[in-house]
Amino acid sequence: MLRSRIAVTGSTGLIGAALVRSLRSDGHEVVRLVRRPAATGEEVEWDPKRQYVDAAGLVGCDAVVHLAGAGVGDHRWTDAYKREIRDSRVLGTAAVAEALASLDTPPKVLLSGSAIGFYGDTGDRAVDEGAPPGEGFLPSVCVEWEEATAPAEEAGVRTVHARTGLVVSRRGGAWGRLFPLFKAGLGGRMGDGRQYWSFIALHDHIAALRHILDTETLSGPVNLTGPSPVTNAEVTAAMGRVLRRPTLFTAPAPALKLALGDFAGDVLSSQRVLPGQLLDSGFVFAFPGIDDAIRAALR
């Protein structure tokens, strides 16, 4: 993209913060949506729970990247927290989409977060963007999440649903919790280890977001995963190789279910998801293999 004005929600999260740094380093103007009164011209107030966005602050934006949402693995899945997971995504996305639709000249593109949780448990079956939604809590949330962008789509905004996989980073997310355990020699496989993990290096994730913004032919769901999903057992072996630590421990399924509640089902489920749209559009991964992605996270 030429020098652009780009609005970002979730700009303090792992992915959002990295994206903001990347955009600003290339000279783009980044407007951050914040949940308080805007303090500068580079901030826009919003409140996803009230479905409020100061739409005037989005005037002149060429693109909006919507990444905000409660962390899926941040708390035990009580009924109350499951409502928080759902509402933070669906209500927030609807607020952003409706704000864009209200503008006389809306941005050219809305890049809205989603997740490979859309597909549910795929076992050892590889799926791409053409696969239907799975069954369960996360698939149902992802369906509603993506449907909430409808006002922007109806207003003619190119809309992309970035279905993110497991981001390999030591700075946050699920993998950020794994690194200390494995560095201490306490890492190991989860359950039987046969479940597929569709990973993507943080560097590649940010590059893919930038690629989507630049590629006008991309719309609808786009899987943000690496080209070669691996099993949890293979992840465990790779972490041991790269970190040069033993991986003797195992977290059995009953223990995970006791510790994590309903979320354990998603930790133990298998998702073999392929980035069909990215590959077809010419995107090239810098760190396609699991060892490469782990090493990149350590640098």
C-alpha atoms as a PDB file:
ATOM      1  CA  MET A   1       0.000   0.000   0.000  1.00  0.00           C
ATOM      2  CA  LEU A   2       1.030   3.593  -0.557  1.00  0.00           C
ATOM      3  CA  ARG A   3       1.283   5.648   2.618  1.00  0.00           C
ATOM      4  CA  SER A   4      -2.117   5.029   4.192  1.00  0.00           C
ATOM      5  CA  ARG A   5      -4.226   5.828   7.241  1.00  0.00           C
ATOM      6  CA  ILE A   6      -5.088   2.553   8.946  1.00  0.00           C
ATOM      7  CA  ALA A   7      -7.241   2.055  12.056  1.00  0.00           C
ATOM      8  CA  VAL A   8      -6.485  -0.867  14.382  1.00  0.00           C
ATOM      9  CA  THR A   9      -8.446  -2.378  17.272  1.00  0.00           C
ATOM     10  CA  GLY A  10      -6.672  -4.665  19.736  1.00  0.00           C
ATOM     11  CA  SER A  11      -3.495  -2.654  19.173  1.00  0.00           C
ATOM     12  CA  THR A  12      -1.973  -3.573  22.548  1.00  0.00           C
ATOM     13  CA  GLY A  13      -2.265  -7.332  22.036  1.00  0.00           C
ATOM     14  CA  LEU A  14       0.445  -9.625  20.739  1.00  0.00           C
ATOM     15  CA  ILE A  15      -0.569  -9.390  17.081  1.00  0.00           C
ATOM     16  CA  GLY A  16      -1.939  -5.850  17.178  1.00  0.00           C
ATOM     17  CA  ALA A  17       1.180  -4.346  18.727  1.00  0.00           C
ATOM     18  CA  ALA A  18       3.430  -6.104  16.213  1.00  0.00           C
ATOM     19  CA  LEU A  19       1.236  -4.964  13.316  1.00  0.00           C
ATOM     20  CA  VAL A  20       1.259  -1.346  14.500  1.00  0.00           C
ATOM     21  CA  ARG A  21       5.063  -1.391  14.699  1.00  0.00           C
ATOM     22  CA  SER A  22       5.285  -2.875  11.212  1.00  0.00           C
ATOM     23  CA  LEU A  23       2.910  -0.350   9.664  1.00  0.00           C
ATOM     24  CA  ARG A  24       4.496   2.656  11.322  1.00  0.00           C
ATOM     25  CA  SER A  25       7.990   1.517  10.360  1.00  0.00           C
ATOM     26  CA  ASP A  26       6.872   1.741   6.726  1.00  0.00           C
ATOM     27  CA  GLY A  27       5.479   5.238   7.146  1.00  0.00           C
ATOM     28  CA  HIS A  28       1.773   4.452   7.465  1.00  0.00           C
ATOM     29  CA  GLU A  29      -0.403   6.514   9.801  1.00  0.00           C
ATOM     30  CA  VAL A  30      -1.954   4.243  12.427  1.00  0.00           C
ATOM     31  CA  VAL A  31      -5.089   5.212  14.325  1.00  0.00           C
ATOM     32  CA  ARG A  32      -5.660   3.126  17.453  1.00  0.00           C
ATOM     33  CA  LEU A  33      -9.170   2.448  18.793  1.00  0.00           C
ATOM     34  CA  VAL A  34      -9.046   2.882  22.586  1.00  0.00           C
ATOM     35  CA  ARG A  35     -11.622   2.249  25.319  1.00  0.00           C
ATOM     36  CA  ARG A  36     -11.406   5.746  26.806  1.00  0.00           C
ATOM     37  CA  PRO A  37     -11.697   9.294  25.483  1.00  0.00           C
ATOM     38  CA  ALA A  38      -9.192   9.851  22.677  1.00  0.00           C
ATOM     39  CA  ALA A  39      -6.125  11.757  23.877  1.00  0.00           C
ATOM     40  CA  THR A  40      -4.537  12.471  20.479  1.00  0.00           C
ATOM     41  CA  GLY A  41      -5.439  12.574  16.808  1.00  0.00           C
ATOM     42  CA  GLU A  42      -4.030   9.049  16.513  1.00  0.00           C
ATOM     43  CA  GLU A  43      -6.722   7.617  18.798  1.00  0.00           C
ATOM     44  CA  VAL A  44     -10.431   6.930  18.357  1.00  0.00           C
ATOM     45  CA  GLU A  45     -12.738   6.151  21.267  1.00  0.00           C
ATOM     46  CA  TRP A  46     -14.831   3.029  21.187  1.00  0.00           C
ATOM     47  CA  ASP A  47     -16.731   0.789  23.608  1.00  0.00           C
ATOM     48  CA  PRO A  48     -17.464  -2.671  22.201  1.00  0.00           C
ATOM     49  CA  LYS A  49     -19.795  -3.612  25.038  1.00  0.00           C
ATOM     50  CA  ARG A  50     -22.001  -0.603  24.276  1.00  0.00           C
ATOM     51  CA  GLN A  51     -21.424  -1.117  20.554  1.00  0.00           C
ATOM     52  CA  TYR A  52     -20.160   2.439  20.267  1.00  0.00           C
ATOM     53  CA  VAL A  53     -17.486   3.735  17.900  1.00  0.00           C
ATOM     54  CA  ASP A  54     -16.677   7.391  17.321  1.00  0.00           C
ATOM     55  CA  ALA A  55     -17.154   7.022  13.575  1.00  0.00           C
ATOM     56  CA  ALA A  56     -15.913  10.552  12.907  1.00  0.00           C
ATOM     57  CA  GLY A  57     -12.432   9.397  13.922  1.00  0.00           C
ATOM     58  CA  LEU A  58     -12.437   6.853  11.101  1.00  0.00           C
ATOM     59  CA  VAL A  59     -13.007   9.423   8.361  1.00  0.00           C
ATOM     60  CA  GLY A  60     -10.133   9.290   5.890  1.00  0.00           C
ATOM     61  CA  CYS A  61      -9.021   5.778   6.838  1.00  0.00           C
ATOM     62  CA  ASP A  62      -8.018   3.557   3.944  1.00  0.00           C
ATOM     63  CA  ALA A  63      -8.290   0.332   5.966  1.00  0.00           C
ATOM     64  CA  VAL A  64      -9.474  -0.975   9.329  1.00  0.00           C
ATOM     65  CA  VAL A  65      -7.875  -3.973  11.038  1.00  0.00           C
ATOM     66  CA  HIS A  66     -10.124  -5.327  13.778  1.00  0.00           C
ATOM     67  CA  LEU A  67      -8.284  -7.668  16.161  1.00  0.00           C
ATOM     68  CA  ALA A  68      -9.906  -7.037  19.556  1.00  0.00           C
ATOM     69  CA  GLY A  69     -11.431  -9.854  21.604  1.00  0.00           C
ATOM     70  CA  ALA A  70     -11.168 -11.508  25.021  1.00  0.00           C
ATOM     71  CA  GLY A  71      -8.405 -14.118  25.213  1.00  0.00           C
ATOM     72  CA  VAL A  72      -9.743 -17.626  24.669  1.00  0.00           C
ATOM     73  CA  GLY A  73      -7.196 -19.187  27.014  1.00  0.00           C
ATOM     74  CA  ASP A  74      -6.951 -16.385  29.576  1.00  0.00           C
ATOM     75  CA  HIS A  75      -9.454 -17.829  32.072  1.00  0.00           C
ATOM     76  CA  ARG A  76     -11.292 -21.014  32.894  1.00  0.00           C
ATOM     77  CA  TRP A  77     -14.365 -21.337  30.700  1.00  0.00           C
ATOM     78  CA  THR A  78     -17.181 -20.538  33.092  1.00  0.00           C
ATOM     79  CA  ASP A  79     -20.546 -19.647  31.582  1.00  0.00           C
ATOM     80  CA  ALA A  80     -19.785 -15.996  32.327  1.00  0.00           C
ATOM     81  CA  TYR A  81     -16.416 -16.081  30.587  1.00  0.00           C
ATOM     82  CA  LYS A  82     -17.841 -17.878  27.570  1.00  0.00           C
ATOM     83  CA  ARG A  83     -20.301 -14.987  27.258  1.00  0.00           C
ATOM     84  CA  GLU A  84     -17.351 -12.595  27.477  1.00  0.00           C
ATOM     85  CA  ILE A  85     -15.520 -14.464  24.693  1.00  0.00           C
ATOM     86  CA  ARG A  86     -18.579 -14.330  22.479  1.00  0.00           C
ATOM     87  CA  ASP A  87     -19.743 -10.776  23.230  1.00  0.00           C
ATOM     88  CA  SER A  88     -16.277  -9.217  22.952  1.00  0.00           C
ATOM     89  CA  ARG A  89     -16.069 -10.535  19.389  1.00  0.00           C
ATOM     90  CA  VAL A  90     -19.600 -10.335  18.059  1.00  0.00           C
ATOM     91  CA  LEU A  91     -20.661  -7.029  19.622  1.00  0.00           C
ATOM     92  CA  GLY A  92     -17.315  -5.367  18.942  1.00  0.00           C
ATOM     93  CA  THR A  93     -17.278  -6.491  15.314  1.00  0.00           C
ATOM     94  CA  ALA A  94     -20.845  -5.331  14.759  1.00  0.00           C
ATOM     95  CA  ALA A  95     -19.975  -1.924  16.213  1.00  0.00           C
ATOM     96  CA  VAL A  96     -16.991  -1.511  13.891  1.00  0.00           C
ATOM     97  CA  ALA A  97     -18.905  -2.715  10.828  1.00  0.00           C
ATOM     98  CA  GLU A  98     -21.851  -0.415  11.510  1.00  0.00           C
ATOM     99  CA  ALA A  99     -19.538   2.557  12.050  1.00  0.00           C
ATOM    100  CA  LEU A 100     -17.880   1.932   8.680  1.00  0.00           C
ATOM    101  CA  ALA A 101     -21.242   1.558   6.960  1.00  0.00           C
ATOM    102  CA  SER A 102     -22.320   4.949   8.344  1.00  0.00           C
ATOM    103  CA  LEU A 103     -19.475   6.814   6.632  1.00  0.00           C
ATOM    104  CA  ASP A 104     -20.040   8.664   3.365  1.00  0.00           C
ATOM    105  CA  THR A 105     -16.727   7.264   2.116  1.00  0.00           C
ATOM    106  CA  PRO A 106     -15.908   4.087   4.047  1.00  0.00           C
ATOM    107  CA  PRO A 107     -12.440   2.476   4.032  1.00  0.00           C
ATOM    108  CA  LYS A 108     -11.572   0.203   1.142  1.00  0.00           C
ATOM    109  CA  VAL A 109     -11.010  -2.839   3.330  1.00  0.00           C
ATOM    110  CA  LEU A 110     -12.029  -4.276   6.695  1.00  0.00           C
ATOM    111  CA  LEU A 111      -9.624  -6.978   7.870  1.00  0.00           C
ATOM    112  CA  SER A 112     -11.490  -8.596  10.734  1.00  0.00           C
ATOM    113  CA  GLY A 113     -10.101 -11.213  13.093  1.00  0.00           C
ATOM    114  CA  SER A 114     -11.450 -14.746  13.245  1.00  0.00           C
ATOM    115  CA  ALA A 115      -9.928 -18.101  14.172  1.00  0.00           C
ATOM    116  CA  ILE A 116      -9.395 -21.613  12.887  1.00  0.00           C
ATOM    117  CA  GLY A 117     -11.707 -22.581  15.737  1.00  0.00           C
ATOM    118  CA  PHE A 118     -14.314 -22.087  12.998  1.00  0.00           C
ATOM    119  CA  TYR A 119     -13.573 -25.616  11.719  1.00  0.00           C
ATOM    120  CA  GLY A 120     -13.886 -27.443  15.029  1.00  0.00           C
ATOM    121  CA  ASP A 121     -12.072 -30.758  15.404  1.00  0.00           C
ATOM    122  CA  THR A 122     -10.934 -31.936  11.948  1.00  0.00           C
ATOM    123  CA  GLY A 123      -8.981 -34.975  13.142  1.00  0.00           C
ATOM    124  CA  ASP A 124      -6.278 -35.836  10.600  1.00  0.00           C
ATOM    125  CA  ARG A 125      -8.368 -34.401   7.744  1.00  0.00           C
ATOM    126  CA  ALA A 126      -6.778 -31.338   6.127  1.00  0.00           C
ATOM    127  CA  VAL A 127      -9.198 -28.444   5.498  1.00  0.00           C
ATOM    128  CA  ASP A 128      -8.988 -25.103   3.744  1.00  0.00           C
ATOM    129  CA  GLU A 129     -11.307 -22.091   3.536  1.00  0.00           C
ATOM    130  CA  GLY A 130     -13.946 -24.091   1.673  1.00  0.00           C
ATOM    131  CA  ALA A 131     -14.699 -26.331   4.665  1.00  0.00           C
ATOM    132  CA  PRO A 132     -17.945 -25.815   6.631  1.00  0.00           C
ATOM    133  CA  PRO A 133     -18.009 -24.789  10.308  1.00  0.00           C
ATOM    134  CA  GLY A 134     -17.551 -27.445  12.950  1.00  0.00           C
ATOM    135  CA  GLU A 135     -19.670 -28.115  16.004  1.00  0.00           C
ATOM    136  CA  GLY A 136     -19.289 -26.703  19.504  1.00  0.00           C
ATOM    137  CA  PHE A 137     -18.751 -23.428  21.291  1.00  0.00           C
ATOM    138  CA  LEU A 138     -15.827 -21.952  19.343  1.00  0.00           C
ATOM    139  CA  PRO A 139     -17.203 -22.761  15.882  1.00  0.00           C
ATOM    140  CA  SER A 140     -20.510 -21.134  16.817  1.00  0.00           C
ATOM    141  CA  VAL A 141     -18.691 -18.042  18.090  1.00  0.00           C
ATOM    142  CA  CYS A 142     -16.620 -17.810  14.902  1.00  0.00           C
ATOM    143  CA  VAL A 143     -19.734 -18.044  12.719  1.00  0.00           C
ATOM    144  CA  GLU A 144     -21.430 -15.189  14.604  1.00  0.00           C
ATOM    145  CA  TRP A 145     -18.168 -13.223  14.668  1.00  0.00           C
ATOM    146  CA  GLU A 146     -17.814 -13.346  10.907  1.00  0.00           C
ATOM    147  CA  GLU A 147     -21.493 -12.669  10.271  1.00  0.00           C
ATOM    148  CA  ALA A 148     -21.232  -9.478  12.344  1.00  0.00           C
ATOM    149  CA  THR A 149     -19.226  -7.796   9.557  1.00  0.00           C
ATOM    150  CA  ALA A 150     -22.312  -7.797   7.300  1.00  0.00           C
ATOM    151  CA  PRO A 151     -23.027  -4.017   7.518  1.00  0.00           C
ATOM    152  CA  ALA A 152     -19.553  -3.226   6.167  1.00  0.00           C
ATOM    153  CA  GLU A 153     -19.845  -5.790   3.378  1.00  0.00           C
ATOM    154  CA  GLU A 154     -23.261  -4.428   2.375  1.00  0.00           C
ATOM    155  CA  ALA A 155     -21.714  -0.941   2.231  1.00  0.00           C
ATOM    156  CA  GLY A 156     -19.233  -2.185  -0.368  1.00  0.00           C
ATOM    157  CA  VAL A 157     -16.199  -2.592   1.893  1.00  0.00           C
ATOM    158  CA  ARG A 158     -13.884  -5.454   0.899  1.00  0.00           C
ATOM    159  CA  THR A 159     -14.085  -7.661   3.976  1.00  0.00           C
ATOM    160  CA  VAL A 160     -11.631 -10.372   4.991  1.00  0.00           C
ATOM    161  CA  HIS A 161     -11.987 -12.799   7.900  1.00  0.00           C
ATOM    162  CA  ALA A 162      -8.481 -13.651   9.117  1.00  0.00           C
ATOM    163  CA  ARG A 163      -8.845 -17.142  10.608  1.00  0.00           C
ATOM    164  CA  THR A 164      -5.761 -17.251  12.800  1.00  0.00           C
ATOM    165  CA  GLY A 165      -4.026 -20.410  13.940  1.00  0.00           C
ATOM    166  CA  LEU A 166      -1.577 -20.870  16.817  1.00  0.00           C
ATOM    167  CA  VAL A 167       0.897 -17.987  16.672  1.00  0.00           C
ATOM    168  CA  VAL A 168       4.438 -18.989  17.602  1.00  0.00           C
ATOM    169  CA  SER A 169       5.824 -16.231  19.825  1.00  0.00           C
ATOM    170  CA  ARG A 170       7.558 -16.127  23.170  1.00  0.00           C
ATOM    171  CA  ARG A 171       5.948 -12.752  23.925  1.00  0.00           C
ATOM    172  CA  GLY A 172       2.368 -13.882  24.381  1.00  0.00           C
ATOM    173  CA  GLY A 173      -0.496 -16.095  23.308  1.00  0.00           C
ATOM    174  CA  ALA A 174      -0.632 -19.822  23.945  1.00  0.00           C
ATOM    175  CA  TRP A 175       2.943 -20.354  22.776  1.00  0.00           C
ATOM    176  CA  GLY A 176       4.194 -17.663  25.127  1.00  0.00           C
ATOM    177  CA  ARG A 177       3.140 -19.943  27.982  1.00  0.00           C
ATOM    178  CA  LEU A 178       4.880 -22.954  26.486  1.00  0.00           C
ATOM    179  CA  PHE A 179       8.352 -21.448  26.156  1.00  0.00           C
ATOM    180  CA  PRO A 180       9.052 -21.050  29.922  1.00  0.00           C
ATOM    181  CA  LEU A 181       7.905 -24.619  30.595  1.00  0.00           C
ATOM    182  CA  PHE A 182      10.063 -26.111  27.869  1.00  0.00           C
ATOM    183  CA  LYS A 183      13.057 -23.941  28.785  1.00  0.00           C
ATOM    184  CA  ALA A 184      12.790 -25.278  32.316  1.00  0.00           C
ATOM    185  CA  GLY A 185      12.745 -28.854  31.013  1.00  0.00           C
ATOM    186  CA  LEU A 186       9.116 -29.294  32.081  1.00  0.00           C
ATOM    187  CA  GLY A 187       7.555 -29.414  28.627  1.00  0.00           C
ATOM    188  CA  GLY A 188       5.887 -32.409  27.059  1.00  0.00           C
ATOM    189  CA  ARG A 189       3.038 -33.555  24.897  1.00  0.00           C
ATOM    190  CA  MET A 190      -0.611 -32.942  25.730  1.00  0.00           C
ATOM    191  CA  GLY A 191      -2.907 -35.924  25.780  1.00  0.00           C
ATOM    192  CA  ASP A 192      -1.851 -38.550  23.253  1.00  0.00           C
ATOM    193  CA  GLY A 193      -0.029 -35.922  21.164  1.00  0.00           C
ATOM    194  CA  ARG A 194      -1.708 -36.975  17.933  1.00  0.00           C
ATOM    195  CA  GLN A 195      -3.810 -33.824  17.578  1.00  0.00           C
ATOM    196  CA  TYR A 196      -2.718 -31.444  14.810  1.00  0.00           C
ATOM    197  CA  TRP A 197      -1.580 -27.918  15.664  1.00  0.00           C
ATOM    198  CA  SER A 198      -1.857 -25.431  12.816  1.00  0.00           C
ATOM    199  CA  PHE A 199       0.852 -22.937  13.688  1.00  0.00           C
ATOM    200  CA  ILE A 200       2.211 -19.748  12.143  1.00  0.00           C
ATOM    201  CA  ALA A 201       5.288 -17.714  13.062  1.00  0.00           C
ATOM    202  CA  LEU A 202       4.454 -14.228  14.356  1.00  0.00           C
ATOM    203  CA  HIS A 203       6.629 -12.724  11.610  1.00  0.00           C
ATOM    204  CA  ASP A 204       4.641 -14.582   8.949  1.00  0.00           C
ATOM    205  CA  HIS A 205       1.341 -13.647  10.566  1.00  0.00           C
ATOM    206  CA  ILE A 206       2.130  -9.933  10.383  1.00  0.00           C
ATOM    207  CA  ALA A 207       3.431 -10.316   6.826  1.00  0.00           C
ATOM    208  CA  ALA A 208       0.207 -12.141   5.904  1.00  0.00           C
ATOM    209  CA  LEU A 209      -1.945  -9.339   7.348  1.00  0.00           C
ATOM    210  CA  ARG A 210       0.045  -6.824   5.317  1.00  0.00           C
ATOM    211  CA  HIS A 211      -0.340  -9.043   2.229  1.00  0.00           C
ATOM    212  CA  ILE A 212      -4.114  -9.159   2.703  1.00  0.00           C
ATOM    213  CA  LEU A 213      -4.323  -5.378   2.971  1.00  0.00           C
ATOM    214  CA  ASP A 214      -2.348  -5.061  -0.268  1.00  0.00           C
ATOM    215  CA  THR A 215      -4.134  -7.790  -2.259  1.00  0.00           C
ATOM    216  CA  GLU A 216      -7.449  -6.520  -3.584  1.00  0.00           C
ATOM    217  CA  THR A 217      -8.495  -9.948  -4.858  1.00  0.00           C
ATOM    218  CA  LEU A 218      -8.621 -11.402  -1.335  1.00  0.00           C
ATOM    219  CA  SER A 219     -11.957 -11.334   0.475  1.00  0.00           C
ATOM    220  CA  GLY A 220     -13.967 -13.608   2.736  1.00  0.00           C
ATOM    221  CA  PRO A 221     -12.179 -16.192   4.910  1.00  0.00           C
ATOM    222  CA  VAL A 222      -8.390 -16.430   4.756  1.00  0.00           C
ATOM    223  CA  ASN A 223      -6.576 -18.988   6.927  1.00  0.00           C
ATOM    224  CA  LEU A 224      -3.544 -17.528   8.688  1.00  0.00           C
ATOM    225  CA  THR A 225      -1.673 -20.754   9.331  1.00  0.00           C
ATOM    226  CA  GLY A 226       1.616 -22.157   8.114  1.00  0.00           C
ATOM    227  CA  PRO A 227       1.657 -24.533   5.135  1.00  0.00           C
ATOM    228  CA  SER A 228       2.643 -27.615   7.164  1.00  0.00           C
ATOM    229  CA  PRO A 229       0.567 -28.338  10.287  1.00  0.00           C
ATOM    230  CA  VAL A 230       2.194 -30.775  12.710  1.00  0.00           C
ATOM    231  CA  THR A 231       0.999 -32.910  15.590  1.00  0.00           C
ATOM    232  CA  ASN A 232       1.412 -31.924  19.211  1.00  0.00           C
ATOM    233  CA  ALA A 233       3.963 -34.721  19.568  1.00  0.00           C
ATOM    234  CA  GLU A 234       5.966 -33.203  16.696  1.00  0.00           C
ATOM    235  CA  VAL A 235       5.726 -29.755  18.287  1.00  0.00           C
ATOM    236  CA  THR A 236       7.011 -31.243  21.542  1.00  0.00           C
ATOM    237  CA  ALA A 237       9.967 -32.869  19.782  1.00  0.00           C
ATOM    238  CA  ALA A 238      10.773 -29.634  17.918  1.00  0.00           C
ATOM    239  CA  MET A 239      10.692 -27.561  21.103  1.00  0.00           C
ATOM    240  CA  GLY A 240      13.094 -30.033  22.681  1.00  0.00           C
ATOM    241  CA  ARG A 241      15.443 -29.910  19.680  1.00  0.00           C
ATOM    242  CA  VAL A 242      15.541 -26.145  19.368  1.00  0.00           C
ATOM    243  CA  LEU A 243      15.749 -25.411  23.096  1.00  0.00           C
ATOM    244  CA  ARG A 244      17.989 -28.435  23.792  1.00  0.00           C
ATOM    245  CA  ARG A 245      15.863 -29.577  26.693  1.00  0.00           C
ATOM    246  CA  PRO A 246      14.302 -32.920  27.607  1.00  0.00           C
ATOM    247  CA  THR A 247      10.576 -33.333  26.903  1.00  0.00           C
ATOM    248  CA  LEU A 248       9.726 -36.192  29.225  1.00  0.00           C
ATOM    249  CA  PHE A 249       6.591 -34.803  30.840  1.00  0.00           C
ATOM    250  CA  THR A 250       3.065 -35.526  29.646  1.00  0.00           C
ATOM    251  CA  ALA A 251      -0.156 -33.733  30.480  1.00  0.00           C
ATOM    252  CA  PRO A 252      -2.782 -36.506  30.363  1.00  0.00           C
ATOM    253  CA  ALA A 253      -6.232 -35.640  29.068  1.00  0.00           C
ATOM    254  CA  PRO A 254      -8.021 -36.103  32.449  1.00  0.00           C
ATOM    255  CA  ALA A 255      -5.605 -33.696  34.148  1.00  0.00           C
ATOM    256  CA  LEU A 256      -6.097 -31.085  31.431  1.00  0.00           C
ATOM    257  CA  LYS A 257      -9.862 -31.394  31.725  1.00  0.00           C
ATOM    258  CA  LEU A 258      -9.627 -30.952  35.491  1.00  0.00           C
ATOM    259  CA  ALA A 259      -7.392 -27.896  35.173  1.00  0.00           C
ATOM    260  CA  LEU A 260      -8.982 -26.203  32.168  1.00  0.00           C
ATOM    261  CA  GLY A 261     -12.606 -27.277  32.189  1.00  0.00           C
ATOM    262  CA  ASP A 262     -14.364 -26.982  28.820  1.00  0.00           C
ATOM    263  CA  PHE A 263     -11.305 -25.323  27.249  1.00  0.00           C
ATOM    264  CA  ALA A 264      -9.443 -28.643  27.527  1.00  0.00           C
ATOM    265  CA  GLY A 265     -11.574 -29.995  24.710  1.00  0.00           C
ATOM    266  CA  ASP A 266     -10.094 -27.377  22.365  1.00  0.00           C
ATOM    267  CA  VAL A 267      -6.534 -27.958  23.622  1.00  0.00           C
ATOM    268  CA  LEU A 268      -6.926 -31.660  22.856  1.00  0.00           C
ATOM    269  CA  SER A 269      -8.815 -31.254  19.590  1.00  0.00           C
ATOM    270  CA  SER A 270      -7.083 -31.636  16.236  1.00  0.00           C
ATOM    271  CA  GLN A 271      -7.122 -28.889  13.601  1.00  0.00           C
ATOM    272  CA  ARG A 272      -5.228 -29.568  10.400  1.00  0.00           C
ATOM    273  CA  VAL A 273      -5.837 -26.288   8.589  1.00  0.00           C
ATOM    274  CA  LEU A 274      -4.149 -25.190   5.351  1.00  0.00           C
ATOM    275  CA  PRO A 275      -3.649 -21.588   4.106  1.00  0.00           C
ATOM    276  CA  GLY A 276      -5.184 -22.120   0.677  1.00  0.00           C
ATOM    277  CA  GLN A 277      -6.083 -18.492  -0.029  1.00  0.00           C
ATOM    278  CA  LEU A 278      -2.691 -17.151   1.031  1.00  0.00           C
ATOM    279  CA  LEU A 279      -0.786 -19.638  -1.108  1.00  0.00           C
ATOM    280  CA  ASP A 280      -3.043 -19.126  -4.125  1.00  0.00           C
ATOM    281  CA  SER A 281      -2.532 -15.351  -3.891  1.00  0.00           C
ATOM    282  CA  GLY A 282       1.260 -15.688  -4.002  1.00  0.00           C
ATOM    283  CA  PHE A 283       2.157 -15.274  -0.333  1.00  0.00           C
ATOM    284  CA  VAL A 284       5.550 -16.760   0.587  1.00  0.00           C
ATOM    285  CA  PHE A 285       6.231 -17.937   4.151  1.00  0.00           C
ATOM    286  CA  ALA A 286       9.570 -16.955   5.671  1.00  0.00           C
ATOM    287  CA  PHE A 287       9.332 -19.616   8.411  1.00  0.00           C
ATOM    288  CA  PRO A 288       7.193 -22.481   7.050  1.00  0.00           C
ATOM    289  CA  GLY A 289       8.558 -25.287   9.261  1.00  0.00           C
ATOM    290  CA  ILE A 290       7.983 -25.740  12.970  1.00  0.00           C
ATOM    291  CA  ASP A 291      11.706 -25.616  13.853  1.00  0.00           C
ATOM    292  CA  ASP A 292      12.097 -22.422  11.806  1.00  0.00           C
ATOM    293  CA  ALA A 293       9.095 -20.824  13.511  1.00  0.00           C
ATOM    294  CA  ILE A 294      10.399 -21.673  16.998  1.00  0.00           C
ATOM    295  CA  ARG A 295      13.864 -20.289  16.185  1.00  0.00           C
ATOM    296  CA  ALA A 296      12.282 -17.119  14.786  1.00  0.00           C
ATOM    297  CA  ALA A 297      10.377 -16.645  18.044  1.00  0.00           C
ATOM    298  CA  LEU A 298      13.628 -16.826  20.015  1.00  0.00           C
ATOM    299  CA  ARG A 299      15.321 -14.098  17.985  1.00  0.00           C
END
